[in-house]
Amino acid sequence: MDDLQEIKTKLAHIEKLLMGNGVVGVAEMARRSFEFMLTSKKAKNGLLDWAFRVVILTLIGFIAMKLELK
């Protein structure tokens, strides 16, 4: 009987973890992050584009600093 109570307690804990117990749960956060990744892959401003922009901005900043120091 103790094992059954322990299983029920663990199930209740897992349910609260997944459903969020009134706040956003793990399953909802995973769904939202998956949808965000899908939209960022479809959009023009995807992660690869932002990485390219950061690299270009870093290079331009480096060149500007070298020119300013001369």
N, C-alpha and C. Protein backbone atom coordinates (compact mmCIF):
# COMPACT_ATOMS: atom_id res chain seq x y z
N MET A 1 0.82 -1.19 0.00
CA MET A 1 0.00 0.00 0.00
C MET A 1 0.86 1.25 0.00
N ASP A 2 2.02 1.18 0.62
CA ASP A 2 2.92 2.32 0.66
C ASP A 2 3.44 2.66 -0.73
N ASP A 3 3.68 1.63 -1.55
CA ASP A 3 4.17 1.84 -2.90
C ASP A 3 3.12 2.56 -3.75
N LEU A 4 1.86 2.20 -3.57
CA LEU A 4 0.79 2.83 -4.32
C LEU A 4 0.69 4.32 -3.97
N GLN A 5 0.81 4.64 -2.71
CA GLN A 5 0.77 6.04 -2.28
C GLN A 5 1.96 6.81 -2.84
N GLU A 6 3.12 6.18 -2.85
CA GLU A 6 4.32 6.82 -3.39
C GLU A 6 4.17 7.08 -4.89
N ILE A 7 3.58 6.13 -5.60
CA ILE A 7 3.35 6.31 -7.04
C ILE A 7 2.37 7.45 -7.29
N LYS A 8 1.30 7.51 -6.51
CA LYS A 8 0.32 8.59 -6.66
C LYS A 8 0.94 9.95 -6.37
N THR A 9 1.79 10.00 -5.36
CA THR A 9 2.46 11.26 -5.03
C THR A 9 3.37 11.71 -6.16
N LYS A 10 4.12 10.76 -6.72
CA LYS A 10 5.02 11.10 -7.82
C LYS A 10 4.24 11.52 -9.07
N LEU A 11 3.11 10.85 -9.33
CA LEU A 11 2.29 11.25 -10.47
C LEU A 11 1.74 12.65 -10.30
N ALA A 12 1.31 12.98 -9.09
CA ALA A 12 0.81 14.33 -8.83
C ALA A 12 1.91 15.35 -9.02
N HIS A 13 3.12 15.00 -8.59
CA HIS A 13 4.25 15.91 -8.75
C HIS A 13 4.58 16.12 -10.23
N ILE A 14 4.57 15.05 -11.00
CA ILE A 14 4.86 15.15 -12.44
C ILE A 14 3.78 15.96 -13.15
N GLU A 15 2.54 15.75 -12.76
CA GLU A 15 1.44 16.51 -13.37
C GLU A 15 1.58 18.00 -13.07
N LYS A 16 1.93 18.35 -11.83
CA LYS A 16 2.14 19.75 -11.49
C LYS A 16 3.31 20.33 -12.27
N LEU A 17 4.35 19.54 -12.46
CA LEU A 17 5.52 20.01 -13.19
C LEU A 17 5.18 20.28 -14.65
N LEU A 18 4.40 19.39 -15.26
CA LEU A 18 4.06 19.55 -16.67
C LEU A 18 3.01 20.63 -16.89
N MET A 19 2.02 20.68 -16.04
CA MET A 19 0.94 21.64 -16.22
C MET A 19 1.28 23.02 -15.66
N GLY A 20 2.22 23.08 -14.77
CA GLY A 20 2.66 24.37 -14.26
C GLY A 20 2.01 24.79 -12.97
N ASN A 21 0.97 24.10 -12.52
CA ASN A 21 0.32 24.42 -11.25
C ASN A 21 -0.07 25.90 -11.19
N GLY A 22 -0.70 26.39 -12.25
CA GLY A 22 -1.14 27.78 -12.27
C GLY A 22 -0.21 28.71 -13.02
N VAL A 23 1.02 28.30 -13.27
CA VAL A 23 1.97 29.09 -14.05
C VAL A 23 2.36 28.26 -15.27
N VAL A 24 3.19 28.84 -16.12
CA VAL A 24 3.58 28.14 -17.33
C VAL A 24 4.45 26.94 -16.97
N GLY A 25 4.01 25.76 -17.40
CA GLY A 25 4.73 24.54 -17.09
C GLY A 25 5.80 24.21 -18.11
N VAL A 26 6.47 23.12 -17.88
CA VAL A 26 7.58 22.69 -18.73
C VAL A 26 7.09 22.39 -20.15
N ALA A 27 5.95 21.72 -20.26
CA ALA A 27 5.43 21.37 -21.58
C ALA A 27 5.07 22.61 -22.38
N GLU A 28 4.48 23.60 -21.73
CA GLU A 28 4.13 24.83 -22.43
C GLU A 28 5.37 25.61 -22.84
N MET A 29 6.38 25.66 -21.98
CA MET A 29 7.62 26.35 -22.34
C MET A 29 8.30 25.66 -23.51
N ALA A 30 8.28 24.33 -23.54
CA ALA A 30 8.88 23.59 -24.65
C ALA A 30 8.12 23.86 -25.94
N ARG A 31 6.80 23.91 -25.86
CA ARG A 31 6.00 24.20 -27.06
C ARG A 31 6.28 25.59 -27.59
N ARG A 32 6.35 26.57 -26.69
CA ARG A 32 6.63 27.95 -27.12
C ARG A 32 8.02 28.09 -27.72
N SER A 33 9.02 27.44 -27.12
CA SER A 33 10.36 27.55 -27.67
C SER A 33 10.46 26.86 -29.02
N PHE A 34 9.75 25.75 -29.22
CA PHE A 34 9.74 25.06 -30.50
C PHE A 34 9.10 25.94 -31.57
N GLU A 35 7.99 26.59 -31.24
CA GLU A 35 7.33 27.48 -32.20
C GLU A 35 8.22 28.68 -32.52
N PHE A 36 8.94 29.20 -31.53
CA PHE A 36 9.85 30.32 -31.76
C PHE A 36 10.95 29.93 -32.73
N MET A 37 11.51 28.72 -32.55
CA MET A 37 12.57 28.27 -33.44
C MET A 37 12.03 28.07 -34.86
N LEU A 38 10.81 27.59 -35.00
CA LEU A 38 10.23 27.43 -36.33
C LEU A 38 10.05 28.77 -37.02
N THR A 39 9.56 29.77 -36.28
CA THR A 39 9.36 31.08 -36.90
C THR A 39 10.68 31.76 -37.19
N SER A 40 11.70 31.56 -36.36
CA SER A 40 12.99 32.21 -36.63
C SER A 40 13.68 31.58 -37.82
N LYS A 41 13.40 30.30 -38.10
CA LYS A 41 13.97 29.66 -39.28
C LYS A 41 13.27 30.15 -40.55
N LYS A 42 11.98 30.45 -40.46
CA LYS A 42 11.22 30.90 -41.62
C LYS A 42 11.47 32.38 -41.92
N ALA A 43 11.73 33.16 -40.90
CA ALA A 43 11.83 34.61 -41.05
C ALA A 43 13.13 35.01 -41.75
N LYS A 44 13.10 36.21 -42.33
CA LYS A 44 14.32 36.73 -42.93
C LYS A 44 15.38 37.00 -41.87
N ASN A 45 14.95 37.42 -40.71
CA ASN A 45 15.87 37.73 -39.63
C ASN A 45 16.10 36.50 -38.77
N GLY A 46 16.54 35.44 -39.37
CA GLY A 46 16.81 34.20 -38.65
C GLY A 46 18.09 34.29 -37.85
N LEU A 47 18.40 33.24 -37.14
CA LEU A 47 19.58 33.23 -36.28
C LEU A 47 20.87 33.33 -37.08
N LEU A 48 20.92 32.72 -38.25
CA LEU A 48 22.11 32.79 -39.08
C LEU A 48 22.35 34.21 -39.58
N ASP A 49 21.27 34.90 -39.93
CA ASP A 49 21.41 36.29 -40.35
C ASP A 49 21.94 37.16 -39.23
N TRP A 50 21.43 36.95 -38.02
CA TRP A 50 21.91 37.74 -36.89
C TRP A 50 23.37 37.43 -36.57
N ALA A 51 23.76 36.17 -36.70
CA ALA A 51 25.17 35.81 -36.48
C ALA A 51 26.05 36.51 -37.50
N PHE A 52 25.63 36.54 -38.75
CA PHE A 52 26.38 37.23 -39.79
C PHE A 52 26.50 38.72 -39.49
N ARG A 53 25.40 39.32 -39.04
CA ARG A 53 25.43 40.76 -38.71
C ARG A 53 26.37 41.04 -37.55
N VAL A 54 26.40 40.16 -36.56
CA VAL A 54 27.29 40.36 -35.41
C VAL A 54 28.75 40.27 -35.86
N VAL A 55 29.05 39.31 -36.73
CA VAL A 55 30.43 39.16 -37.22
C VAL A 55 30.85 40.40 -38.01
N ILE A 56 30.01 40.87 -38.89
CA ILE A 56 30.31 42.06 -39.69
C ILE A 56 30.47 43.28 -38.79
N LEU A 57 29.60 43.44 -37.82
CA LEU A 57 29.68 44.57 -36.90
C LEU A 57 30.97 44.52 -36.09
N THR A 58 31.37 43.33 -35.68
CA THR A 58 32.62 43.19 -34.92
C THR A 58 33.81 43.56 -35.79
N LEU A 59 33.82 43.11 -37.03
CA LEU A 59 34.93 43.45 -37.94
C LEU A 59 34.99 44.95 -38.21
N ILE A 60 33.85 45.56 -38.45
CA ILE A 60 33.83 47.01 -38.69
C ILE A 60 34.29 47.76 -37.45
N GLY A 61 33.86 47.32 -36.29
CA GLY A 61 34.31 47.95 -35.05
C GLY A 61 35.80 47.80 -34.83
N PHE A 62 36.33 46.63 -35.14
CA PHE A 62 37.77 46.39 -35.01
C PHE A 62 38.56 47.30 -35.97
N ILE A 63 38.10 47.41 -37.19
CA ILE A 63 38.78 48.28 -38.17
C ILE A 63 38.69 49.73 -37.73
N ALA A 64 37.54 50.15 -37.21
CA ALA A 64 37.38 51.53 -36.75
C ALA A 64 38.31 51.83 -35.57
N MET A 65 38.49 50.88 -34.68
CA MET A 65 39.38 51.09 -33.55
C MET A 65 40.83 51.18 -34.02
N LYS A 66 41.22 50.35 -35.00
CA LYS A 66 42.58 50.39 -35.53
C LYS A 66 42.85 51.72 -36.22
N LEU A 67 41.88 52.23 -36.97
CA LEU A 67 42.05 53.51 -37.66
C LEU A 67 42.12 54.66 -36.68
N GLU A 68 41.38 54.57 -35.58
CA GLU A 68 41.36 55.64 -34.60
C GLU A 68 42.67 55.69 -33.82
N LEU A 69 43.30 54.57 -33.61
CA LEU A 69 44.54 54.55 -32.83
C LEU A 69 45.74 55.04 -33.63
N LYS A 70 45.66 55.10 -34.95
CA LYS A 70 46.80 55.56 -35.77
C LYS A 70 46.93 57.03 -35.81
